[in-house]
Structure formats: C-alpha cells, structure tokens
C-alpha cells in the first residue's frame, strides 16, 4: 500500500460539539483546520495532530452508545509535557499526552481492544504491510502507530457484504472513536489489494466532488479503515 501521507487520521462521532471543540481546541490545544459538511446530518470539524487530522464528526441526530472494543485510546506526542497526562474527553474517550519519543511515539498512537490478537498481527503486517515494532502488538503506518490488545468485552461486527460509503458511515455512527484514515496514492489499487490479501471489504471506492476518492475496508473485528486519495494539483480523480 503506497502511502500519500505518512500519518493516519482519526475519526470520532459525537453529539456534544461545543464541549468536544472546547476540549480538543482549548484544553488539549490542537489547532483547528476546517469544517467539512458530510451530509446526512453530519459535519466534520478537523483539528491538526502533528501531521494527522482528528476528525470530530458532529451528528445532528442522537447517536447510539459507544461500541465495546474497537478504537479505544488516542495518544498524542506533546513537547510541552514531561510525563504522561491521561484525560477523558466529554464523551469519555481516553486521550493521553506523552513526552515526544516516549515508547517510540513521535506523533500519535491509536489503540484497539480486539477479540483475536493473532488475526490483527496478520492483518496489519500482511494485509496492510505495516511495520511491526519489535515483538509487540504495535505497528507503524508511516510515522503513526496502531496498537492492540485482547479485550474480553470486544465483539465482532456481524458479517456483511460490501455497502456504499454512506451506508458504511451509517454503520459506524456511534459515540466514540469510529475509524482511522490512511491516505494512499491510488485508492482503487489499494482497495483491490486489501480484500485480495484477506481484508473485509467495507465499501467500494467513490469520488467526492473534486476533493477526494475514498473507500472503506474492515479489520478482523469489522472496525472501519478509510482509504483516501486526495486530488493532486492539476489531476482529476476517477469518476464513480
């Protein structure tokens, strides 16, 4: 999988927009970047994280409670701190600020609770081609890290066939961390390759205006991973 950006992005869903913006913008002091209307009663507020983007997806309608397991914790490298600081945001998501470089985190780390560690080692190592960090259940995607550990409360999504991107977003809508985004140079090629290596297909590639082409794949528990190809200057995205 050829990366277009060396950092993964993180998406969460909330009904508490003002409180979440105060927490991430004022308390954690992430820089605000932009707002993107997504349709279906969703607006995405984007905050910078050392090259990554935190996507705060505000839902107009009430969201279901958070799903057990899956994306559980976000750790952010921060040169201002000399020891780890653990927070809970207004929705109860765990956010930790750590000194730059601690445990090899020079940027961000996203942690999942999973049902089968061996299946996730194979998924991140063989399907996504991420670099394993020693013998730990930690993998580097560009400069970002994804880690996981068995969680007795974690459950798998029910199996399903491919869906549209909007159906995928509807499926993942629940309070909390919902997905990660990997920026790739060729969304169609990356999307073809992942299921061929054993990934669970989420939704086929689609083009959003002249901004991006995206698709979703799913890990062994059914958690969503967005593959996103941003429009290159002077180049048109594939249609469909």
C-alpha atoms as a PDB file:
ATOM      1  CA  UNK A   1       0.000   0.000   0.000  1.00  0.00           C
ATOM      2  CA  UNK A   2       1.655   3.189  -1.202  1.00  0.00           C
ATOM      3  CA  UNK A   3       1.105   5.994   1.287  1.00  0.00           C
ATOM      4  CA  UNK A   4       0.431   9.535   0.135  1.00  0.00           C
ATOM      5  CA  UNK A   5       0.835  10.866   3.693  1.00  0.00           C
ATOM      6  CA  UNK A   6       2.999   9.425   6.442  1.00  0.00           C
ATOM      7  CA  UNK A   7       0.357   9.934   9.148  1.00  0.00           C
ATOM      8  CA  UNK A   8      -3.000   8.298   9.797  1.00  0.00           C
ATOM      9  CA  UNK A   9      -6.070  10.366  10.631  1.00  0.00           C
ATOM     10  CA  UNK A  10      -8.600   9.538  13.368  1.00  0.00           C
ATOM     11  CA  UNK A  11     -12.366   9.957  13.191  1.00  0.00           C
ATOM     12  CA  UNK A  12     -14.797  10.131  16.086  1.00  0.00           C
ATOM     13  CA  UNK A  13     -18.543  10.755  16.381  1.00  0.00           C
ATOM     14  CA  UNK A  14     -20.255  12.976  18.922  1.00  0.00           C
ATOM     15  CA  UNK A  15     -23.442  14.838  19.757  1.00  0.00           C
ATOM     16  CA  UNK A  16     -21.542  17.222  22.043  1.00  0.00           C
ATOM     17  CA  UNK A  17     -19.949  19.600  19.555  1.00  0.00           C
ATOM     18  CA  UNK A  18     -19.307  22.612  21.791  1.00  0.00           C
ATOM     19  CA  UNK A  19     -17.876  20.539  24.618  1.00  0.00           C
ATOM     20  CA  UNK A  20     -15.651  18.496  22.285  1.00  0.00           C
ATOM     21  CA  UNK A  21     -14.358  21.587  20.491  1.00  0.00           C
ATOM     22  CA  UNK A  22     -13.560  23.219  23.826  1.00  0.00           C
ATOM     23  CA  UNK A  23     -11.711  20.102  24.993  1.00  0.00           C
ATOM     24  CA  UNK A  24      -9.613  19.496  21.876  1.00  0.00           C
ATOM     25  CA  UNK A  25      -9.163  23.111  20.818  1.00  0.00           C
ATOM     26  CA  UNK A  26      -8.797  24.868  24.184  1.00  0.00           C
ATOM     27  CA  UNK A  27      -7.723  22.240  26.694  1.00  0.00           C
ATOM     28  CA  UNK A  28      -5.580  19.955  24.513  1.00  0.00           C
ATOM     29  CA  UNK A  29      -4.795  22.894  22.206  1.00  0.00           C
ATOM     30  CA  UNK A  30      -4.961  21.106  18.876  1.00  0.00           C
ATOM     31  CA  UNK A  31      -5.028  23.635  16.010  1.00  0.00           C
ATOM     32  CA  UNK A  32      -8.379  23.969  14.243  1.00  0.00           C
ATOM     33  CA  UNK A  33      -8.165  23.476  10.462  1.00  0.00           C
ATOM     34  CA  UNK A  34     -11.576  23.450   8.781  1.00  0.00           C
ATOM     35  CA  UNK A  35     -15.189  22.265   8.725  1.00  0.00           C
ATOM     36  CA  UNK A  36     -16.487  19.858   6.090  1.00  0.00           C
ATOM     37  CA  UNK A  37     -20.221  19.159   5.578  1.00  0.00           C
ATOM     38  CA  UNK A  38     -20.710  15.421   5.080  1.00  0.00           C
ATOM     39  CA  UNK A  39     -24.476  15.267   4.525  1.00  0.00           C
ATOM     40  CA  UNK A  40     -26.918  13.094   6.403  1.00  0.00           C
ATOM     41  CA  UNK A  41     -26.863  15.433   9.385  1.00  0.00           C
ATOM     42  CA  UNK A  42     -23.066  15.220   9.836  1.00  0.00           C
ATOM     43  CA  UNK A  43     -20.483  17.979   9.921  1.00  0.00           C
ATOM     44  CA  UNK A  44     -16.778  17.241  10.300  1.00  0.00           C
ATOM     45  CA  UNK A  45     -14.582  19.595  12.339  1.00  0.00           C
ATOM     46  CA  UNK A  46     -10.910  18.958  11.625  1.00  0.00           C
ATOM     47  CA  UNK A  47      -8.029  19.517  14.066  1.00  0.00           C
ATOM     48  CA  UNK A  48      -4.322  19.024  13.412  1.00  0.00           C
ATOM     49  CA  UNK A  49      -2.241  16.430  15.268  1.00  0.00           C
ATOM     50  CA  UNK A  50       1.397  16.724  14.129  1.00  0.00           C
ATOM     51  CA  UNK A  51       0.525  15.829  10.544  1.00  0.00           C
ATOM     52  CA  UNK A  52      -2.503  13.709  11.382  1.00  0.00           C
ATOM     53  CA  UNK A  53      -6.052  15.053  11.472  1.00  0.00           C
ATOM     54  CA  UNK A  54      -8.573  14.493  14.246  1.00  0.00           C
ATOM     55  CA  UNK A  55     -11.993  14.410  12.571  1.00  0.00           C
ATOM     56  CA  UNK A  56     -14.740  15.368  15.000  1.00  0.00           C
ATOM     57  CA  UNK A  57     -17.916  14.259  13.229  1.00  0.00           C
ATOM     58  CA  UNK A  58     -20.835  16.053  14.828  1.00  0.00           C
ATOM     59  CA  UNK A  59     -24.171  14.263  14.361  1.00  0.00           C
ATOM     60  CA  UNK A  60     -27.399  16.249  14.410  1.00  0.00           C
ATOM     61  CA  UNK A  61     -29.444  13.213  15.477  1.00  0.00           C
ATOM     62  CA  UNK A  62     -28.838  11.250  18.705  1.00  0.00           C
ATOM     63  CA  UNK A  63     -26.077   8.662  18.388  1.00  0.00           C
ATOM     64  CA  UNK A  64     -26.102   5.130  19.818  1.00  0.00           C
ATOM     65  CA  UNK A  65     -23.869   4.441  22.799  1.00  0.00           C
ATOM     66  CA  UNK A  66     -20.246   3.573  22.137  1.00  0.00           C
ATOM     67  CA  UNK A  67     -19.437   0.069  20.936  1.00  0.00           C
ATOM     68  CA  UNK A  68     -17.291  -2.119  23.193  1.00  0.00           C
ATOM     69  CA  UNK A  69     -13.789  -2.848  21.956  1.00  0.00           C
ATOM     70  CA  UNK A  70     -12.573  -1.323  18.721  1.00  0.00           C
ATOM     71  CA  UNK A  71     -10.743   2.008  18.724  1.00  0.00           C
ATOM     72  CA  UNK A  72     -10.316   2.826  22.400  1.00  0.00           C
ATOM     73  CA  UNK A  73      -7.497   5.238  23.057  1.00  0.00           C
ATOM     74  CA  UNK A  74      -5.641   8.082  21.363  1.00  0.00           C
ATOM     75  CA  UNK A  75      -2.115   9.023  22.426  1.00  0.00           C
ATOM     76  CA  UNK A  76      -0.546  12.237  21.181  1.00  0.00           C
ATOM     77  CA  UNK A  77       3.114  13.233  21.396  1.00  0.00           C
ATOM     78  CA  UNK A  78       3.467  16.633  23.066  1.00  0.00           C
ATOM     79  CA  UNK A  79       6.729  18.511  23.643  1.00  0.00           C
ATOM     80  CA  UNK A  80       5.087  20.564  26.424  1.00  0.00           C
ATOM     81  CA  UNK A  81       4.711  17.645  28.849  1.00  0.00           C
ATOM     82  CA  UNK A  82       7.410  15.878  30.855  1.00  0.00           C
ATOM     83  CA  UNK A  83       5.228  12.940  31.961  1.00  0.00           C
ATOM     84  CA  UNK A  84       2.109  11.280  30.552  1.00  0.00           C
ATOM     85  CA  UNK A  85      -1.170  13.086  31.163  1.00  0.00           C
ATOM     86  CA  UNK A  86      -4.324  10.978  30.825  1.00  0.00           C
ATOM     87  CA  UNK A  87      -7.625  12.698  30.036  1.00  0.00           C
ATOM     88  CA  UNK A  88     -11.168  11.677  29.254  1.00  0.00           C
ATOM     89  CA  UNK A  89     -12.857  13.898  26.701  1.00  0.00           C
ATOM     90  CA  UNK A  90     -16.533  14.903  27.193  1.00  0.00           C
ATOM     91  CA  UNK A  91     -17.692  11.631  25.625  1.00  0.00           C
ATOM     92  CA  UNK A  92     -15.341   9.525  27.749  1.00  0.00           C
ATOM     93  CA  UNK A  93     -12.744   8.812  25.038  1.00  0.00           C
ATOM     94  CA  UNK A  94      -9.313   8.285  26.602  1.00  0.00           C
ATOM     95  CA  UNK A  95      -6.717  10.771  25.351  1.00  0.00           C
ATOM     96  CA  UNK A  96      -3.127  10.691  26.595  1.00  0.00           C
ATOM     97  CA  UNK A  97      -0.422  13.293  26.048  1.00  0.00           C
ATOM     98  CA  UNK A  98       3.082  11.852  26.273  1.00  0.00           C
ATOM     99  CA  UNK A  99       6.559  13.380  26.069  1.00  0.00           C
ATOM    100  CA  UNK A 100       7.832  13.325  22.485  1.00  0.00           C
ATOM    101  CA  UNK A 101       9.513   9.993  21.749  1.00  0.00           C
ATOM    102  CA  UNK A 102       8.216   8.112  24.778  1.00  0.00           C
ATOM    103  CA  UNK A 103       7.610   4.467  23.793  1.00  0.00           C
ATOM    104  CA  UNK A 104       8.658   5.483  20.298  1.00  0.00           C
ATOM    105  CA  UNK A 105       5.680   7.833  19.891  1.00  0.00           C
ATOM    106  CA  UNK A 106       6.897  10.844  17.979  1.00  0.00           C
ATOM    107  CA  UNK A 107       3.472  11.610  16.596  1.00  0.00           C
ATOM    108  CA  UNK A 108       0.267   9.644  17.516  1.00  0.00           C
ATOM    109  CA  UNK A 109      -0.735   6.144  18.551  1.00  0.00           C
ATOM    110  CA  UNK A 110      -4.237   4.646  18.263  1.00  0.00           C
ATOM    111  CA  UNK A 111      -5.080   1.634  20.429  1.00  0.00           C
ATOM    112  CA  UNK A 112      -7.777  -1.005  19.845  1.00  0.00           C
ATOM    113  CA  UNK A 113      -9.388  -3.645  22.026  1.00  0.00           C
ATOM    114  CA  UNK A 114      -9.670  -6.810  19.905  1.00  0.00           C
ATOM    115  CA  UNK A 115     -11.002 -10.362  20.017  1.00  0.00           C
ATOM    116  CA  UNK A 116      -8.008 -12.126  18.421  1.00  0.00           C
ATOM    117  CA  UNK A 117      -4.505 -10.661  18.584  1.00  0.00           C
ATOM    118  CA  UNK A 118      -3.052 -13.148  16.075  1.00  0.00           C
ATOM    119  CA  UNK A 119      -5.633 -12.155  13.468  1.00  0.00           C
ATOM    120  CA  UNK A 120      -4.729  -8.484  13.938  1.00  0.00           C
ATOM    121  CA  UNK A 121      -0.996  -9.186  13.712  1.00  0.00           C
ATOM    122  CA  UNK A 122      -1.636 -10.843  10.348  1.00  0.00           C
ATOM    123  CA  UNK A 123      -3.972  -8.070   9.228  1.00  0.00           C
ATOM    124  CA  UNK A 124      -1.659  -5.164   9.973  1.00  0.00           C
ATOM    125  CA  UNK A 125       1.524  -6.975   8.950  1.00  0.00           C
ATOM    126  CA  UNK A 126       0.404  -8.866   5.847  1.00  0.00           C
ATOM    127  CA  UNK A 127      -2.739  -7.120   4.601  1.00  0.00           C
ATOM    128  CA  UNK A 128      -1.719  -3.510   5.249  1.00  0.00           C
ATOM    129  CA  UNK A 129       2.024  -4.076   5.092  1.00  0.00           C
ATOM    130  CA  UNK A 130       2.659  -2.084   8.256  1.00  0.00           C
ATOM    131  CA  UNK A 131       5.963  -2.355  10.117  1.00  0.00           C
ATOM    132  CA  UNK A 132       5.779  -4.315  13.372  1.00  0.00           C
ATOM    133  CA  UNK A 133       7.599  -2.679  16.280  1.00  0.00           C
ATOM    134  CA  UNK A 134       9.726  -5.434  17.792  1.00  0.00           C
ATOM    135  CA  UNK A 135       7.601  -8.332  19.019  1.00  0.00           C
ATOM    136  CA  UNK A 136       4.865  -6.061  20.379  1.00  0.00           C
ATOM    137  CA  UNK A 137       1.331  -5.794  19.061  1.00  0.00           C
ATOM    138  CA  UNK A 138       2.243  -2.371  17.683  1.00  0.00           C
ATOM    139  CA  UNK A 139       2.556  -1.443  14.032  1.00  0.00           C
ATOM    140  CA  UNK A 140       3.876   1.649  12.354  1.00  0.00           C
ATOM    141  CA  UNK A 141       1.952   3.138   9.422  1.00  0.00           C
ATOM    142  CA  UNK A 142       4.221   5.900   8.194  1.00  0.00           C
ATOM    143  CA  UNK A 143       5.078   7.780  11.384  1.00  0.00           C
ATOM    144  CA  UNK A 144       1.851   6.874  13.210  1.00  0.00           C
ATOM    145  CA  UNK A 145       1.395   3.789  15.398  1.00  0.00           C
ATOM    146  CA  UNK A 146      -1.549   1.410  15.755  1.00  0.00           C
ATOM    147  CA  UNK A 147      -1.551  -0.959  18.735  1.00  0.00           C
ATOM    148  CA  UNK A 148      -3.986  -3.537  20.050  1.00  0.00           C
ATOM    149  CA  UNK A 149      -4.585  -5.961  22.898  1.00  0.00           C
ATOM    150  CA  UNK A 150      -7.186  -8.572  23.712  1.00  0.00           C
ATOM    151  CA  UNK A 151     -10.281  -7.116  25.350  1.00  0.00           C
ATOM    152  CA  UNK A 152     -12.773  -9.569  26.825  1.00  0.00           C
ATOM    153  CA  UNK A 153     -15.558  -7.071  26.125  1.00  0.00           C
ATOM    154  CA  UNK A 154     -14.668  -6.644  22.444  1.00  0.00           C
ATOM    155  CA  UNK A 155     -17.092  -8.098  19.914  1.00  0.00           C
ATOM    156  CA  UNK A 156     -17.037  -8.603  16.168  1.00  0.00           C
ATOM    157  CA  UNK A 157     -19.430  -6.798  13.899  1.00  0.00           C
ATOM    158  CA  UNK A 158     -21.869  -9.095  12.150  1.00  0.00           C
ATOM    159  CA  UNK A 159     -20.561 -10.083   8.729  1.00  0.00           C
ATOM    160  CA  UNK A 160     -21.913  -8.126   5.793  1.00  0.00           C
ATOM    161  CA  UNK A 161     -21.246  -7.690   2.122  1.00  0.00           C
ATOM    162  CA  UNK A 162     -19.949  -4.508   0.507  1.00  0.00           C
ATOM    163  CA  UNK A 163     -22.013  -1.377   1.072  1.00  0.00           C
ATOM    164  CA  UNK A 164     -21.975   2.199  -0.119  1.00  0.00           C
ATOM    165  CA  UNK A 165     -19.717   4.737   1.599  1.00  0.00           C
ATOM    166  CA  UNK A 166     -22.742   6.425   3.170  1.00  0.00           C
ATOM    167  CA  UNK A 167     -24.003   3.054   4.455  1.00  0.00           C
ATOM    168  CA  UNK A 168     -20.548   2.408   5.916  1.00  0.00           C
ATOM    169  CA  UNK A 169     -20.616   5.767   7.707  1.00  0.00           C
ATOM    170  CA  UNK A 170     -24.117   4.996   8.996  1.00  0.00           C
ATOM    171  CA  UNK A 171     -22.899   1.621  10.301  1.00  0.00           C
ATOM    172  CA  UNK A 172     -20.010   3.118  12.260  1.00  0.00           C
ATOM    173  CA  UNK A 173     -22.031   6.001  13.700  1.00  0.00           C
ATOM    174  CA  UNK A 174     -21.895   5.699  17.483  1.00  0.00           C
ATOM    175  CA  UNK A 175     -20.431   7.809  20.247  1.00  0.00           C
ATOM    176  CA  UNK A 176     -16.648   7.493  20.351  1.00  0.00           C
ATOM    177  CA  UNK A 177     -13.676   6.745  18.132  1.00  0.00           C
ATOM    178  CA  UNK A 178     -15.064   5.207  14.952  1.00  0.00           C
ATOM    179  CA  UNK A 179     -12.381   4.775  12.290  1.00  0.00           C
ATOM    180  CA  UNK A 180      -8.919   5.644  11.073  1.00  0.00           C
ATOM    181  CA  UNK A 181      -7.990   7.049   7.674  1.00  0.00           C
ATOM    182  CA  UNK A 182      -4.959   6.045   5.602  1.00  0.00           C
ATOM    183  CA  UNK A 183      -4.066   8.459   2.808  1.00  0.00           C
ATOM    184  CA  UNK A 184      -2.984   6.476  -0.269  1.00  0.00           C
ATOM    185  CA  UNK A 185      -1.749   7.452  -3.714  1.00  0.00           C
ATOM    186  CA  UNK A 186      -4.224   5.205  -5.559  1.00  0.00           C
ATOM    187  CA  UNK A 187      -7.469   4.403  -3.739  1.00  0.00           C
ATOM    188  CA  UNK A 188      -8.673   1.909  -6.349  1.00  0.00           C
ATOM    189  CA  UNK A 189      -5.421  -0.051  -6.347  1.00  0.00           C
ATOM    190  CA  UNK A 190      -5.204  -0.103  -2.539  1.00  0.00           C
ATOM    191  CA  UNK A 191      -8.848  -1.151  -2.276  1.00  0.00           C
ATOM    192  CA  UNK A 192      -8.378  -4.030  -4.742  1.00  0.00           C
ATOM    193  CA  UNK A 193      -5.253  -5.247  -2.987  1.00  0.00           C
ATOM    194  CA  UNK A 194      -6.605  -5.320   0.574  1.00  0.00           C
ATOM    195  CA  UNK A 195      -9.515  -7.802   0.056  1.00  0.00           C
ATOM    196  CA  UNK A 196      -7.244  -9.905  -2.164  1.00  0.00           C
ATOM    197  CA  UNK A 197      -4.969 -10.299   0.877  1.00  0.00           C
ATOM    198  CA  UNK A 198      -7.830 -11.094   3.247  1.00  0.00           C
ATOM    199  CA  UNK A 199      -9.337  -7.781   4.325  1.00  0.00           C
ATOM    200  CA  UNK A 200     -13.094  -7.494   4.744  1.00  0.00           C
ATOM    201  CA  UNK A 201     -14.478  -5.080   2.158  1.00  0.00           C
ATOM    202  CA  UNK A 202     -16.434  -2.180   3.578  1.00  0.00           C
ATOM    203  CA  UNK A 203     -17.443  -0.022   0.632  1.00  0.00           C
ATOM    204  CA  UNK A 204     -16.234   0.357  -2.942  1.00  0.00           C
ATOM    205  CA  UNK A 205     -14.329   3.481  -3.988  1.00  0.00           C
ATOM    206  CA  UNK A 206     -16.348   6.603  -4.686  1.00  0.00           C
ATOM    207  CA  UNK A 207     -15.365  10.142  -5.640  1.00  0.00           C
ATOM    208  CA  UNK A 208     -16.464  13.107  -3.541  1.00  0.00           C
ATOM    209  CA  UNK A 209     -16.631  16.087  -5.878  1.00  0.00           C
ATOM    210  CA  UNK A 210     -13.150  17.194  -6.886  1.00  0.00           C
ATOM    211  CA  UNK A 211     -11.695  16.705  -3.405  1.00  0.00           C
ATOM    212  CA  UNK A 212     -11.086  13.019  -2.737  1.00  0.00           C
ATOM    213  CA  UNK A 213     -11.734   9.436  -3.721  1.00  0.00           C
ATOM    214  CA  UNK A 214     -12.346   7.085  -0.812  1.00  0.00           C
ATOM    215  CA  UNK A 215     -13.339   3.588   0.173  1.00  0.00           C
ATOM    216  CA  UNK A 216     -13.582   1.549   3.372  1.00  0.00           C
ATOM    217  CA  UNK A 217     -12.104  -1.776   4.388  1.00  0.00           C
ATOM    218  CA  UNK A 218     -12.641  -3.546   7.707  1.00  0.00           C
ATOM    219  CA  UNK A 219     -10.267  -5.286  10.092  1.00  0.00           C
ATOM    220  CA  UNK A 220     -10.866  -8.800  11.533  1.00  0.00           C
ATOM    221  CA  UNK A 221     -13.398  -7.450  14.059  1.00  0.00           C
ATOM    222  CA  UNK A 222     -15.117  -5.305  11.450  1.00  0.00           C
ATOM    223  CA  UNK A 223     -13.698  -1.948  12.566  1.00  0.00           C
ATOM    224  CA  UNK A 224     -13.565   0.501   9.672  1.00  0.00           C
ATOM    225  CA  UNK A 225     -10.459   1.843   7.925  1.00  0.00           C
ATOM    226  CA  UNK A 226     -10.910   4.557   5.338  1.00  0.00           C
ATOM    227  CA  UNK A 227      -8.615   4.591   2.309  1.00  0.00           C
ATOM    228  CA  UNK A 228      -8.494   8.127   0.947  1.00  0.00           C
ATOM    229  CA  UNK A 229      -6.885   9.552  -2.182  1.00  0.00           C
ATOM    230  CA  UNK A 230      -6.773  13.322  -2.228  1.00  0.00           C
ATOM    231  CA  UNK A 231      -6.940  15.148  -5.530  1.00  0.00           C
ATOM    232  CA  UNK A 232      -3.478  16.012  -6.837  1.00  0.00           C
ATOM    233  CA  UNK A 233      -2.970  19.504  -8.182  1.00  0.00           C
ATOM    234  CA  UNK A 234      -3.883  19.573 -11.850  1.00  0.00           C
ATOM    235  CA  UNK A 235      -5.063  15.961 -11.897  1.00  0.00           C
ATOM    236  CA  UNK A 236      -8.681  14.757 -11.989  1.00  0.00           C
ATOM    237  CA  UNK A 237      -9.885  11.942  -9.749  1.00  0.00           C
ATOM    238  CA  UNK A 238     -11.501   8.807 -11.211  1.00  0.00           C
ATOM    239  CA  UNK A 239     -15.273   9.052 -11.566  1.00  0.00           C
ATOM    240  CA  UNK A 240     -17.879   6.769  -9.997  1.00  0.00           C
END
